[in-house]
mmCIF file of all heavy atoms, coordinates in Angstrom:
data_MODEL
# 
_entry.id   MODEL 
# 
loop_
_atom_site.group_PDB 
_atom_site.id 
_atom_site.type_symbol 
_atom_site.label_atom_id 
_atom_site.label_alt_id 
_atom_site.label_comp_id 
_atom_site.label_asym_id 
_atom_site.label_entity_id 
_atom_site.label_seq_id 
_atom_site.pdbx_PDB_ins_code 
_atom_site.Cartn_x 
_atom_site.Cartn_y 
_atom_site.Cartn_z 
_atom_site.occupancy 
_atom_site.B_iso_or_equiv 
_atom_site.pdbx_formal_charge 
_atom_site.auth_seq_id 
_atom_site.auth_comp_id 
_atom_site.auth_asym_id 
_atom_site.auth_atom_id 
_atom_site.pdbx_PDB_model_num 
ATOM 1   N N   . GLY A 1 1  ? 12.329 -10.174 23.944 1.00 0.00 ? 1  GLY A N   1 
ATOM 2   C CA  . GLY A 1 1  ? 13.651 -10.903 23.423 1.00 0.00 ? 1  GLY A CA  1 
ATOM 3   C C   . GLY A 1 1  ? 13.530 -11.262 21.957 1.00 0.00 ? 1  GLY A C   1 
ATOM 4   O O   . GLY A 1 1  ? 14.224 -12.033 21.508 1.00 0.00 ? 1  GLY A O   1 
ATOM 5   N N   . SER A 1 2  ? 12.705 -10.531 21.191 1.00 0.00 ? 2  SER A N   1 
ATOM 6   C CA  . SER A 1 2  ? 12.432 -10.700 19.807 1.00 0.00 ? 2  SER A CA  1 
ATOM 7   C C   . SER A 1 2  ? 13.780 -10.539 19.066 1.00 0.00 ? 2  SER A C   1 
ATOM 8   O O   . SER A 1 2  ? 14.117 -11.282 18.148 1.00 0.00 ? 2  SER A O   1 
ATOM 9   C CB  . SER A 1 2  ? 11.400 -9.883  19.180 1.00 0.00 ? 2  SER A CB  1 
ATOM 10  O OG  . SER A 1 2  ? 10.126 -10.250 19.709 1.00 0.00 ? 2  SER A OG  1 
ATOM 11  N N   . LEU A 1 3  ? 14.580 -9.431  19.417 1.00 0.00 ? 3  LEU A N   1 
ATOM 12  C CA  . LEU A 1 3  ? 15.667 -9.168  18.557 1.00 0.00 ? 3  LEU A CA  1 
ATOM 13  C C   . LEU A 1 3  ? 16.818 -10.214 18.733 1.00 0.00 ? 3  LEU A C   1 
ATOM 14  O O   . LEU A 1 3  ? 17.477 -10.668 17.725 1.00 0.00 ? 3  LEU A O   1 
ATOM 15  C CB  . LEU A 1 3  ? 16.219 -7.745  18.990 1.00 0.00 ? 3  LEU A CB  1 
ATOM 16  C CG  . LEU A 1 3  ? 17.478 -7.399  18.223 1.00 0.00 ? 3  LEU A CG  1 
ATOM 17  C CD1 . LEU A 1 3  ? 17.221 -7.326  16.719 1.00 0.00 ? 3  LEU A CD1 1 
ATOM 18  C CD2 . LEU A 1 3  ? 17.958 -6.111  18.661 1.00 0.00 ? 3  LEU A CD2 1 
ATOM 19  N N   . GLU A 1 4  ? 16.875 -10.812 19.916 1.00 0.00 ? 4  GLU A N   1 
ATOM 20  C CA  . GLU A 1 4  ? 17.873 -11.894 20.107 1.00 0.00 ? 4  GLU A CA  1 
ATOM 21  C C   . GLU A 1 4  ? 17.495 -13.124 19.274 1.00 0.00 ? 4  GLU A C   1 
ATOM 22  O O   . GLU A 1 4  ? 18.393 -13.766 18.658 1.00 0.00 ? 4  GLU A O   1 
ATOM 23  C CB  . GLU A 1 4  ? 17.904 -12.271 21.585 1.00 0.00 ? 4  GLU A CB  1 
ATOM 24  C CG  . GLU A 1 4  ? 18.606 -11.233 22.463 1.00 0.00 ? 4  GLU A CG  1 
ATOM 25  C CD  . GLU A 1 4  ? 17.572 -10.068 22.793 1.00 0.00 ? 4  GLU A CD  1 
ATOM 26  O OE1 . GLU A 1 4  ? 16.390 -10.152 22.613 1.00 0.00 ? 4  GLU A OE1 1 
ATOM 27  O OE2 . GLU A 1 4  ? 18.170 -8.910  23.258 1.00 0.00 ? 4  GLU A OE2 1 
ATOM 28  N N   . ILE A 1 5  ? 16.196 -13.441 19.132 1.00 0.00 ? 5  ILE A N   1 
ATOM 29  C CA  . ILE A 1 5  ? 15.726 -14.567 18.372 1.00 0.00 ? 5  ILE A CA  1 
ATOM 30  C C   . ILE A 1 5  ? 16.026 -14.292 16.862 1.00 0.00 ? 5  ILE A C   1 
ATOM 31  O O   . ILE A 1 5  ? 16.588 -15.152 16.171 1.00 0.00 ? 5  ILE A O   1 
ATOM 32  C CB  . ILE A 1 5  ? 14.252 -14.788 18.619 1.00 0.00 ? 5  ILE A CB  1 
ATOM 33  C CG1 . ILE A 1 5  ? 13.945 -15.198 20.047 1.00 0.00 ? 5  ILE A CG1 1 
ATOM 34  C CG2 . ILE A 1 5  ? 13.771 -15.868 17.561 1.00 0.00 ? 5  ILE A CG2 1 
ATOM 35  C CD1 . ILE A 1 5  ? 12.529 -15.259 20.456 1.00 0.00 ? 5  ILE A CD1 1 
ATOM 36  N N   . ILE A 1 6  ? 15.793 -13.106 16.406 1.00 0.00 ? 6  ILE A N   1 
ATOM 37  C CA  . ILE A 1 6  ? 16.064 -12.718 15.061 1.00 0.00 ? 6  ILE A CA  1 
ATOM 38  C C   . ILE A 1 6  ? 17.514 -12.850 14.739 1.00 0.00 ? 6  ILE A C   1 
ATOM 39  O O   . ILE A 1 6  ? 17.853 -13.453 13.696 1.00 0.00 ? 6  ILE A O   1 
ATOM 40  C CB  . ILE A 1 6  ? 15.580 -11.252 14.783 1.00 0.00 ? 6  ILE A CB  1 
ATOM 41  C CG1 . ILE A 1 6  ? 14.073 -11.158 14.876 1.00 0.00 ? 6  ILE A CG1 1 
ATOM 42  C CG2 . ILE A 1 6  ? 16.091 -10.780 13.464 1.00 0.00 ? 6  ILE A CG2 1 
ATOM 43  C CD1 . ILE A 1 6  ? 13.485 -9.755  15.018 1.00 0.00 ? 6  ILE A CD1 1 
ATOM 44  N N   . GLU A 1 7  ? 18.279 -12.349 15.667 1.00 0.00 ? 7  GLU A N   1 
ATOM 45  C CA  . GLU A 1 7  ? 19.764 -12.324 15.410 1.00 0.00 ? 7  GLU A CA  1 
ATOM 46  C C   . GLU A 1 7  ? 20.370 -13.864 15.324 1.00 0.00 ? 7  GLU A C   1 
ATOM 47  O O   . GLU A 1 7  ? 21.267 -14.109 14.608 1.00 0.00 ? 7  GLU A O   1 
ATOM 48  C CB  . GLU A 1 7  ? 20.468 -11.518 16.451 1.00 0.00 ? 7  GLU A CB  1 
ATOM 49  C CG  . GLU A 1 7  ? 20.252 -10.038 16.324 1.00 0.00 ? 7  GLU A CG  1 
ATOM 50  C CD  . GLU A 1 7  ? 20.902 -9.157  17.319 1.00 0.00 ? 7  GLU A CD  1 
ATOM 51  O OE1 . GLU A 1 7  ? 21.084 -9.713  18.454 1.00 0.00 ? 7  GLU A OE1 1 
ATOM 52  O OE2 . GLU A 1 7  ? 21.045 -7.967  17.025 1.00 0.00 ? 7  GLU A OE2 1 
ATOM 53  N N   . LYS A 1 8  ? 19.707 -14.725 16.186 1.00 0.00 ? 8  LYS A N   1 
ATOM 54  C CA  . LYS A 1 8  ? 20.103 -16.134 16.240 1.00 0.00 ? 8  LYS A CA  1 
ATOM 55  C C   . LYS A 1 8  ? 19.907 -16.685 14.861 1.00 0.00 ? 8  LYS A C   1 
ATOM 56  O O   . LYS A 1 8  ? 20.718 -17.391 14.197 1.00 0.00 ? 8  LYS A O   1 
ATOM 57  C CB  . LYS A 1 8  ? 19.349 -16.862 17.271 1.00 0.00 ? 8  LYS A CB  1 
ATOM 58  C CG  . LYS A 1 8  ? 19.524 -18.323 17.285 1.00 0.00 ? 8  LYS A CG  1 
ATOM 59  C CD  . LYS A 1 8  ? 18.694 -19.030 18.286 1.00 0.00 ? 8  LYS A CD  1 
ATOM 60  C CE  . LYS A 1 8  ? 17.371 -19.102 17.785 1.00 0.00 ? 8  LYS A CE  1 
ATOM 61  N NZ  . LYS A 1 8  ? 16.436 -20.065 18.692 1.00 0.00 ? 8  LYS A NZ  1 
ATOM 62  N N   . TYR A 1 9  ? 18.682 -16.516 14.316 1.00 0.00 ? 9  TYR A N   1 
ATOM 63  C CA  . TYR A 1 9  ? 18.315 -17.034 12.944 1.00 0.00 ? 9  TYR A CA  1 
ATOM 64  C C   . TYR A 1 9  ? 19.224 -16.437 11.886 1.00 0.00 ? 9  TYR A C   1 
ATOM 65  O O   . TYR A 1 9  ? 19.739 -17.072 10.991 1.00 0.00 ? 9  TYR A O   1 
ATOM 66  C CB  . TYR A 1 9  ? 16.849 -16.836 12.574 1.00 0.00 ? 9  TYR A CB  1 
ATOM 67  C CG  . TYR A 1 9  ? 16.002 -17.879 13.211 1.00 0.00 ? 9  TYR A CG  1 
ATOM 68  C CD1 . TYR A 1 9  ? 15.604 -17.788 14.532 1.00 0.00 ? 9  TYR A CD1 1 
ATOM 69  C CD2 . TYR A 1 9  ? 15.679 -19.071 12.547 1.00 0.00 ? 9  TYR A CD2 1 
ATOM 70  C CE1 . TYR A 1 9  ? 14.878 -18.762 15.113 1.00 0.00 ? 9  TYR A CE1 1 
ATOM 71  C CE2 . TYR A 1 9  ? 14.883 -20.054 13.170 1.00 0.00 ? 9  TYR A CE2 1 
ATOM 72  C CZ  . TYR A 1 9  ? 14.475 -19.867 14.422 1.00 0.00 ? 9  TYR A CZ  1 
ATOM 73  O OH  . TYR A 1 9  ? 13.718 -20.865 15.059 1.00 0.00 ? 9  TYR A OH  1 
ATOM 74  N N   . ALA A 1 10 ? 19.369 -15.089 11.870 1.00 0.00 ? 10 ALA A N   1 
ATOM 75  C CA  . ALA A 1 10 ? 20.239 -14.345 10.926 1.00 0.00 ? 10 ALA A CA  1 
ATOM 76  C C   . ALA A 1 10 ? 21.710 -14.951 10.878 1.00 0.00 ? 10 ALA A C   1 
ATOM 77  O O   . ALA A 1 10 ? 22.329 -14.956 9.827  1.00 0.00 ? 10 ALA A O   1 
ATOM 78  C CB  . ALA A 1 10 ? 20.197 -12.947 11.223 1.00 0.00 ? 10 ALA A CB  1 
ATOM 79  N N   . SER A 1 11 ? 22.182 -15.369 12.049 1.00 0.00 ? 11 SER A N   1 
ATOM 80  C CA  . SER A 1 11 ? 23.622 -15.778 12.125 1.00 0.00 ? 11 SER A CA  1 
ATOM 81  C C   . SER A 1 11 ? 23.620 -17.262 11.444 1.00 0.00 ? 11 SER A C   1 
ATOM 82  O O   . SER A 1 11 ? 24.779 -17.675 11.104 1.00 0.00 ? 11 SER A O   1 
ATOM 83  C CB  . SER A 1 11 ? 24.011 -15.904 13.563 1.00 0.00 ? 11 SER A CB  1 
ATOM 84  O OG  . SER A 1 11 ? 23.373 -16.858 14.218 1.00 0.00 ? 11 SER A OG  1 
ATOM 85  N N   . HIS A 1 12 ? 22.558 -17.926 11.323 1.00 0.00 ? 12 HIS A N   1 
ATOM 86  C CA  . HIS A 1 12 ? 22.573 -19.304 10.774 1.00 0.00 ? 12 HIS A CA  1 
ATOM 87  C C   . HIS A 1 12 ? 22.097 -19.308 9.401  1.00 0.00 ? 12 HIS A C   1 
ATOM 88  O O   . HIS A 1 12 ? 22.344 -20.322 8.606  1.00 0.00 ? 12 HIS A O   1 
ATOM 89  C CB  . HIS A 1 12 ? 21.696 -20.250 11.605 1.00 0.00 ? 12 HIS A CB  1 
ATOM 90  C CG  . HIS A 1 12 ? 22.394 -20.521 12.942 1.00 0.00 ? 12 HIS A CG  1 
ATOM 91  N ND1 . HIS A 1 12 ? 22.043 -19.866 14.089 1.00 0.00 ? 12 HIS A ND1 1 
ATOM 92  C CD2 . HIS A 1 12 ? 23.320 -21.411 13.296 1.00 0.00 ? 12 HIS A CD2 1 
ATOM 93  C CE1 . HIS A 1 12 ? 22.776 -20.330 15.121 1.00 0.00 ? 12 HIS A CE1 1 
ATOM 94  N NE2 . HIS A 1 12 ? 23.514 -21.336 14.712 1.00 0.00 ? 12 HIS A NE2 1 
ATOM 95  N N   . TYR A 1 13 ? 21.442 -18.395 8.819  1.00 0.00 ? 13 TYR A N   1 
ATOM 96  C CA  . TYR A 1 13 ? 20.881 -18.463 7.449  1.00 0.00 ? 13 TYR A CA  1 
ATOM 97  C C   . TYR A 1 13 ? 21.243 -17.164 6.744  1.00 0.00 ? 13 TYR A C   1 
ATOM 98  O O   . TYR A 1 13 ? 20.927 -16.002 7.104  1.00 0.00 ? 13 TYR A O   1 
ATOM 99  C CB  . TYR A 1 13 ? 19.353 -18.491 7.569  1.00 0.00 ? 13 TYR A CB  1 
ATOM 100 C CG  . TYR A 1 13 ? 18.771 -19.646 8.242  1.00 0.00 ? 13 TYR A CG  1 
ATOM 101 C CD1 . TYR A 1 13 ? 18.560 -19.730 9.635  1.00 0.00 ? 13 TYR A CD1 1 
ATOM 102 C CD2 . TYR A 1 13 ? 18.710 -20.990 7.476  1.00 0.00 ? 13 TYR A CD2 1 
ATOM 103 C CE1 . TYR A 1 13 ? 18.121 -20.941 10.232 1.00 0.00 ? 13 TYR A CE1 1 
ATOM 104 C CE2 . TYR A 1 13 ? 18.382 -22.089 8.168  1.00 0.00 ? 13 TYR A CE2 1 
ATOM 105 C CZ  . TYR A 1 13 ? 18.108 -22.144 9.467  1.00 0.00 ? 13 TYR A CZ  1 
ATOM 106 O OH  . TYR A 1 13 ? 17.651 -23.235 10.099 1.00 0.00 ? 13 TYR A OH  1 
ATOM 107 N N   . LYS A 1 14 ? 22.042 -17.358 5.600  1.00 0.00 ? 14 LYS A N   1 
ATOM 108 C CA  . LYS A 1 14 ? 22.515 -16.225 4.852  1.00 0.00 ? 14 LYS A CA  1 
ATOM 109 C C   . LYS A 1 14 ? 21.448 -15.458 4.039  1.00 0.00 ? 14 LYS A C   1 
ATOM 110 O O   . LYS A 1 14 ? 21.780 -14.379 3.540  1.00 0.00 ? 14 LYS A O   1 
ATOM 111 C CB  . LYS A 1 14 ? 23.700 -16.658 3.913  1.00 0.00 ? 14 LYS A CB  1 
ATOM 112 C CG  . LYS A 1 14 ? 23.235 -17.672 2.891  1.00 0.00 ? 14 LYS A CG  1 
ATOM 113 C CD  . LYS A 1 14 ? 24.289 -18.138 1.994  1.00 0.00 ? 14 LYS A CD  1 
ATOM 114 C CE  . LYS A 1 14 ? 23.808 -19.100 0.978  1.00 0.00 ? 14 LYS A CE  1 
ATOM 115 N NZ  . LYS A 1 14 ? 24.598 -19.509 0.014  1.00 0.00 ? 14 LYS A NZ  1 
ATOM 116 N N   . ASN A 1 15 ? 20.344 -16.045 3.902  1.00 0.00 ? 15 ASN A N   1 
ATOM 117 C CA  . ASN A 1 15 ? 19.219 -15.315 3.141  1.00 0.00 ? 15 ASN A CA  1 
ATOM 118 C C   . ASN A 1 15 ? 18.390 -14.524 3.990  1.00 0.00 ? 15 ASN A C   1 
ATOM 119 O O   . ASN A 1 15 ? 17.347 -14.000 3.550  1.00 0.00 ? 15 ASN A O   1 
ATOM 120 C CB  . ASN A 1 15 ? 18.468 -16.434 2.419  1.00 0.00 ? 15 ASN A CB  1 
ATOM 121 C CG  . ASN A 1 15 ? 17.729 -17.377 3.236  1.00 0.00 ? 15 ASN A CG  1 
ATOM 122 O OD1 . ASN A 1 15 ? 18.124 -17.743 4.262  1.00 0.00 ? 15 ASN A OD1 1 
ATOM 123 N ND2 . ASN A 1 15 ? 16.533 -17.920 2.731  1.00 0.00 ? 15 ASN A ND2 1 
ATOM 124 N N   . ILE A 1 16 ? 18.683 -14.321 5.294  1.00 0.00 ? 16 ILE A N   1 
ATOM 125 C CA  . ILE A 1 16 ? 17.935 -13.396 6.094  1.00 0.00 ? 16 ILE A CA  1 
ATOM 126 C C   . ILE A 1 16 ? 18.612 -12.080 6.183  1.00 0.00 ? 16 ILE A C   1 
ATOM 127 O O   . ILE A 1 16 ? 19.769 -11.957 6.500  1.00 0.00 ? 16 ILE A O   1 
ATOM 128 C CB  . ILE A 1 16 ? 17.875 -13.992 7.504  1.00 0.00 ? 16 ILE A CB  1 
ATOM 129 C CG1 . ILE A 1 16 ? 16.999 -15.289 7.497  1.00 0.00 ? 16 ILE A CG1 1 
ATOM 130 C CG2 . ILE A 1 16 ? 17.237 -13.106 8.540  1.00 0.00 ? 16 ILE A CG2 1 
ATOM 131 C CD1 . ILE A 1 16 ? 16.848 -15.978 8.940  1.00 0.00 ? 16 ILE A CD1 1 
ATOM 132 N N   . VAL A 1 17 ? 17.767 -11.087 6.016  1.00 0.00 ? 17 VAL A N   1 
ATOM 133 C CA  . VAL A 1 17 ? 18.228 -9.639  6.059  1.00 0.00 ? 17 VAL A CA  1 
ATOM 134 C C   . VAL A 1 17 ? 17.386 -9.099  7.321  1.00 0.00 ? 17 VAL A C   1 
ATOM 135 O O   . VAL A 1 17 ? 16.233 -9.224  7.410  1.00 0.00 ? 17 VAL A O   1 
ATOM 136 C CB  . VAL A 1 17 ? 17.788 -8.758  4.792  1.00 0.00 ? 17 VAL A CB  1 
ATOM 137 C CG1 . VAL A 1 17 ? 18.125 -7.319  5.036  1.00 0.00 ? 17 VAL A CG1 1 
ATOM 138 C CG2 . VAL A 1 17 ? 18.537 -9.439  3.588  1.00 0.00 ? 17 VAL A CG2 1 
ATOM 139 N N   . VAL A 1 18 ? 18.136 -8.475  8.237  1.00 0.00 ? 18 VAL A N   1 
ATOM 140 C CA  . VAL A 1 18 ? 17.516 -7.878  9.417  1.00 0.00 ? 18 VAL A CA  1 
ATOM 141 C C   . VAL A 1 18 ? 17.583 -6.454  9.378  1.00 0.00 ? 18 VAL A C   1 
ATOM 142 O O   . VAL A 1 18 ? 18.661 -5.834  9.082  1.00 0.00 ? 18 VAL A O   1 
ATOM 143 C CB  . VAL A 1 18 ? 18.268 -8.424  10.715 1.00 0.00 ? 18 VAL A CB  1 
ATOM 144 C CG1 . VAL A 1 18 ? 17.684 -7.717  12.005 1.00 0.00 ? 18 VAL A CG1 1 
ATOM 145 C CG2 . VAL A 1 18 ? 18.279 -9.904  10.864 1.00 0.00 ? 18 VAL A CG2 1 
ATOM 146 N N   . ILE A 1 19 ? 16.417 -5.815  9.583  1.00 0.00 ? 19 ILE A N   1 
ATOM 147 C CA  . ILE A 1 19 ? 16.411 -4.351  9.702  1.00 0.00 ? 19 ILE A CA  1 
ATOM 148 C C   . ILE A 1 19 ? 15.850 -4.047  11.233 1.00 0.00 ? 19 ILE A C   1 
ATOM 149 O O   . ILE A 1 19 ? 14.813 -4.607  11.647 1.00 0.00 ? 19 ILE A O   1 
ATOM 150 C CB  . ILE A 1 19 ? 15.362 -3.684  8.760  1.00 0.00 ? 19 ILE A CB  1 
ATOM 151 C CG1 . ILE A 1 19 ? 15.855 -4.057  7.319  1.00 0.00 ? 19 ILE A CG1 1 
ATOM 152 C CG2 . ILE A 1 19 ? 15.249 -2.272  8.979  1.00 0.00 ? 19 ILE A CG2 1 
ATOM 153 C CD1 . ILE A 1 19 ? 14.809 -3.650  6.253  1.00 0.00 ? 19 ILE A CD1 1 
ATOM 154 N N   . ASN A 1 20 ? 16.710 -3.322  11.907 1.00 0.00 ? 20 ASN A N   1 
ATOM 155 C CA  . ASN A 1 20 ? 16.398 -3.067  13.335 1.00 0.00 ? 20 ASN A CA  1 
ATOM 156 C C   . ASN A 1 20 ? 16.079 -1.519  13.431 1.00 0.00 ? 20 ASN A C   1 
ATOM 157 O O   . ASN A 1 20 ? 16.889 -0.789  13.040 1.00 0.00 ? 20 ASN A O   1 
ATOM 158 C CB  . ASN A 1 20 ? 17.475 -3.472  14.317 1.00 0.00 ? 20 ASN A CB  1 
ATOM 159 C CG  . ASN A 1 20 ? 17.170 -3.345  15.706 1.00 0.00 ? 20 ASN A CG  1 
ATOM 160 O OD1 . ASN A 1 20 ? 15.930 -3.689  16.056 1.00 0.00 ? 20 ASN A OD1 1 
ATOM 161 N ND2 . ASN A 1 20 ? 18.018 -3.056  16.572 1.00 0.00 ? 20 ASN A ND2 1 
ATOM 162 N N   . GLN A 1 21 ? 14.875 -1.165  13.904 1.00 0.00 ? 21 GLN A N   1 
ATOM 163 C CA  . GLN A 1 21 ? 14.583 0.256   13.908 1.00 0.00 ? 21 GLN A CA  1 
ATOM 164 C C   . GLN A 1 21 ? 13.685 0.559   15.115 1.00 0.00 ? 21 GLN A C   1 
ATOM 165 O O   . GLN A 1 21 ? 13.211 -0.246  15.786 1.00 0.00 ? 21 GLN A O   1 
ATOM 166 C CB  . GLN A 1 21 ? 13.704 0.590   12.643 1.00 0.00 ? 21 GLN A CB  1 
ATOM 167 C CG  . GLN A 1 21 ? 12.277 -0.058  12.659 1.00 0.00 ? 21 GLN A CG  1 
ATOM 168 C CD  . GLN A 1 21 ? 11.608 0.123   11.423 1.00 0.00 ? 21 GLN A CD  1 
ATOM 169 O OE1 . GLN A 1 21 ? 12.068 0.367   10.273 1.00 0.00 ? 21 GLN A OE1 1 
ATOM 170 N NE2 . GLN A 1 21 ? 10.257 0.038   11.534 1.00 0.00 ? 21 GLN A NE2 1 
ATOM 171 N N   . LYS A 1 22 ? 13.669 1.818   15.485 1.00 0.00 ? 22 LYS A N   1 
ATOM 172 C CA  . LYS A 1 22 ? 12.770 2.296   16.588 1.00 0.00 ? 22 LYS A CA  1 
ATOM 173 C C   . LYS A 1 22 ? 11.292 2.029   16.024 1.00 0.00 ? 22 LYS A C   1 
ATOM 174 O O   . LYS A 1 22 ? 11.090 2.011   14.912 1.00 0.00 ? 22 LYS A O   1 
ATOM 175 C CB  . LYS A 1 22 ? 13.081 3.730   17.033 1.00 0.00 ? 22 LYS A CB  1 
ATOM 176 C CG  . LYS A 1 22 ? 12.796 4.742   16.003 1.00 0.00 ? 22 LYS A CG  1 
ATOM 177 C CD  . LYS A 1 22 ? 12.991 6.112   16.461 1.00 0.00 ? 22 LYS A CD  1 
ATOM 178 C CE  . LYS A 1 22 ? 12.537 7.117   15.295 1.00 0.00 ? 22 LYS A CE  1 
ATOM 179 N NZ  . LYS A 1 22 ? 12.526 8.480   15.760 1.00 0.00 ? 22 LYS A NZ  1 
ATOM 180 N N   . ASN A 1 23 ? 10.432 1.997   16.982 1.00 0.00 ? 23 ASN A N   1 
ATOM 181 C CA  . ASN A 1 23 ? 9.031  1.775   16.754 1.00 0.00 ? 23 ASN A CA  1 
ATOM 182 C C   . ASN A 1 23 ? 8.441  2.808   15.798 1.00 0.00 ? 23 ASN A C   1 
ATOM 183 O O   . ASN A 1 23 ? 8.445  3.921   16.184 1.00 0.00 ? 23 ASN A O   1 
ATOM 184 C CB  . ASN A 1 23 ? 8.191  1.433   17.982 1.00 0.00 ? 23 ASN A CB  1 
ATOM 185 C CG  . ASN A 1 23 ? 6.735  1.052   17.649 1.00 0.00 ? 23 ASN A CG  1 
ATOM 186 O OD1 . ASN A 1 23 ? 5.948  1.937   17.511 1.00 0.00 ? 23 ASN A OD1 1 
ATOM 187 N ND2 . ASN A 1 23 ? 6.587  -0.186  17.558 1.00 0.00 ? 23 ASN A ND2 1 
ATOM 188 N N   . GLN A 1 24 ? 7.969  2.342   14.584 1.00 0.00 ? 24 GLN A N   1 
ATOM 189 C CA  . GLN A 1 24 ? 7.334  3.223   13.632 1.00 0.00 ? 24 GLN A CA  1 
ATOM 190 C C   . GLN A 1 24 ? 5.988  2.773   13.173 1.00 0.00 ? 24 GLN A C   1 
ATOM 191 O O   . GLN A 1 24 ? 5.410  3.431   12.355 1.00 0.00 ? 24 GLN A O   1 
ATOM 192 C CB  . GLN A 1 24 ? 8.234  3.431   12.451 1.00 0.00 ? 24 GLN A CB  1 
ATOM 193 C CG  . GLN A 1 24 ? 9.635  4.043   12.782 1.00 0.00 ? 24 GLN A CG  1 
ATOM 194 C CD  . GLN A 1 24 ? 10.491 4.342   11.616 1.00 0.00 ? 24 GLN A CD  1 
ATOM 195 O OE1 . GLN A 1 24 ? 10.032 4.882   10.637 1.00 0.00 ? 24 GLN A OE1 1 
ATOM 196 N NE2 . GLN A 1 24 ? 11.750 3.878   11.684 1.00 0.00 ? 24 GLN A NE2 1 
ATOM 197 N N   . GLY A 1 25 ? 5.570  1.581   13.723 1.00 0.00 ? 25 GLY A N   1 
ATOM 198 C CA  . GLY A 1 25 ? 4.310  1.097   13.345 1.00 0.00 ? 25 GLY A CA  1 
ATOM 199 C C   . GLY A 1 25 ? 4.326  0.110   12.101 1.00 0.00 ? 25 GLY A C   1 
ATOM 200 O O   . GLY A 1 25 ? 5.337  0.210   11.291 1.00 0.00 ? 25 GLY A O   1 
ATOM 201 N N   . LEU A 1 26 ? 3.244  -0.554  11.859 1.00 0.00 ? 26 LEU A N   1 
ATOM 202 C CA  . LEU A 1 26 ? 3.236  -1.702  10.918 1.00 0.00 ? 26 LEU A CA  1 
ATOM 203 C C   . LEU A 1 26 ? 3.339  -1.073  9.411  1.00 0.00 ? 26 LEU A C   1 
ATOM 204 O O   . LEU A 1 26 ? 4.056  -1.529  8.655  1.00 0.00 ? 26 LEU A O   1 
ATOM 205 C CB  . LEU A 1 26 ? 1.923  -2.477  10.999 1.00 0.00 ? 26 LEU A CB  1 
ATOM 206 C CG  . LEU A 1 26 ? 1.785  -3.650  10.068 1.00 0.00 ? 26 LEU A CG  1 
ATOM 207 C CD1 . LEU A 1 26 ? 2.964  -4.621  10.293 1.00 0.00 ? 26 LEU A CD1 1 
ATOM 208 C CD2 . LEU A 1 26 ? 0.428  -4.358  10.486 1.00 0.00 ? 26 LEU A CD2 1 
ATOM 209 N N   . TYR A 1 27 ? 2.613  0.021   9.115  1.00 0.00 ? 27 TYR A N   1 
ATOM 210 C CA  . TYR A 1 27 ? 2.738  0.588   7.839  1.00 0.00 ? 27 TYR A CA  1 
ATOM 211 C C   . TYR A 1 27 ? 4.158  0.931   7.428  1.00 0.00 ? 27 TYR A C   1 
ATOM 212 O O   . TYR A 1 27 ? 4.575  0.606   6.384  1.00 0.00 ? 27 TYR A O   1 
ATOM 213 C CB  . TYR A 1 27 ? 1.752  1.831   7.630  1.00 0.00 ? 27 TYR A CB  1 
ATOM 214 C CG  . TYR A 1 27 ? 1.813  2.524   6.353  1.00 0.00 ? 27 TYR A CG  1 
ATOM 215 C CD1 . TYR A 1 27 ? 1.265  1.901   5.201  1.00 0.00 ? 27 TYR A CD1 1 
ATOM 216 C CD2 . TYR A 1 27 ? 2.673  3.623   6.172  1.00 0.00 ? 27 TYR A CD2 1 
ATOM 217 C CE1 . TYR A 1 27 ? 1.372  2.457   3.856  1.00 0.00 ? 27 TYR A CE1 1 
ATOM 218 C CE2 . TYR A 1 27 ? 2.821  4.167   4.911  1.00 0.00 ? 27 TYR A CE2 1 
ATOM 219 C CZ  . TYR A 1 27 ? 2.140  3.627   3.773  1.00 0.00 ? 27 TYR A CZ  1 
ATOM 220 O OH  . TYR A 1 27 ? 2.311  4.161   2.474  1.00 0.00 ? 27 TYR A OH  1 
ATOM 221 N N   . LYS A 1 28 ? 4.775  1.706   8.199  1.00 0.00 ? 28 LYS A N   1 
ATOM 222 C CA  . LYS A 1 28 ? 6.137  2.156   7.959  1.00 0.00 ? 28 LYS A CA  1 
ATOM 223 C C   . LYS A 1 28 ? 7.109  1.009   7.893  1.00 0.00 ? 28 LYS A C   1 
ATOM 224 O O   . LYS A 1 28 ? 7.976  0.905   7.021  1.00 0.00 ? 28 LYS A O   1 
ATOM 225 C CB  . LYS A 1 28 ? 6.558  3.236   8.993  1.00 0.00 ? 28 LYS A CB  1 
ATOM 226 C CG  . LYS A 1 28 ? 7.986  3.763   8.712  1.00 0.00 ? 28 LYS A CG  1 
ATOM 227 C CD  . LYS A 1 28 ? 7.848  4.657   7.486  1.00 0.00 ? 28 LYS A CD  1 
ATOM 228 C CE  . LYS A 1 28 ? 9.119  5.382   7.333  1.00 0.00 ? 28 LYS A CE  1 
ATOM 229 N NZ  . LYS A 1 28 ? 9.329  6.173   6.049  1.00 0.00 ? 28 LYS A NZ  1 
ATOM 230 N N   . THR A 1 29 ? 6.955  -0.007  8.752  1.00 0.00 ? 29 THR A N   1 
ATOM 231 C CA  . THR A 1 29 ? 7.764  -1.192  8.782  1.00 0.00 ? 29 THR A CA  1 
ATOM 232 C C   . THR A 1 29 ? 7.595  -1.869  7.494  1.00 0.00 ? 29 THR A C   1 
ATOM 233 O O   . THR A 1 29 ? 8.727  -2.335  6.939  1.00 0.00 ? 29 THR A O   1 
ATOM 234 C CB  . THR A 1 29 ? 7.313  -2.042  9.918  1.00 0.00 ? 29 THR A CB  1 
ATOM 235 O OG1 . THR A 1 29 ? 7.600  -1.291  11.160 1.00 0.00 ? 29 THR A OG1 1 
ATOM 236 C CG2 . THR A 1 29 ? 8.117  -3.302  10.012 1.00 0.00 ? 29 THR A CG2 1 
# 
């Protein structure tokens, strides 16, 4: 449920930028 939590915060705080991607690992992220 991580994406749902992220989207909840992003909808309340204008200084949050969300990037949603398929799994690419920590370095690429």
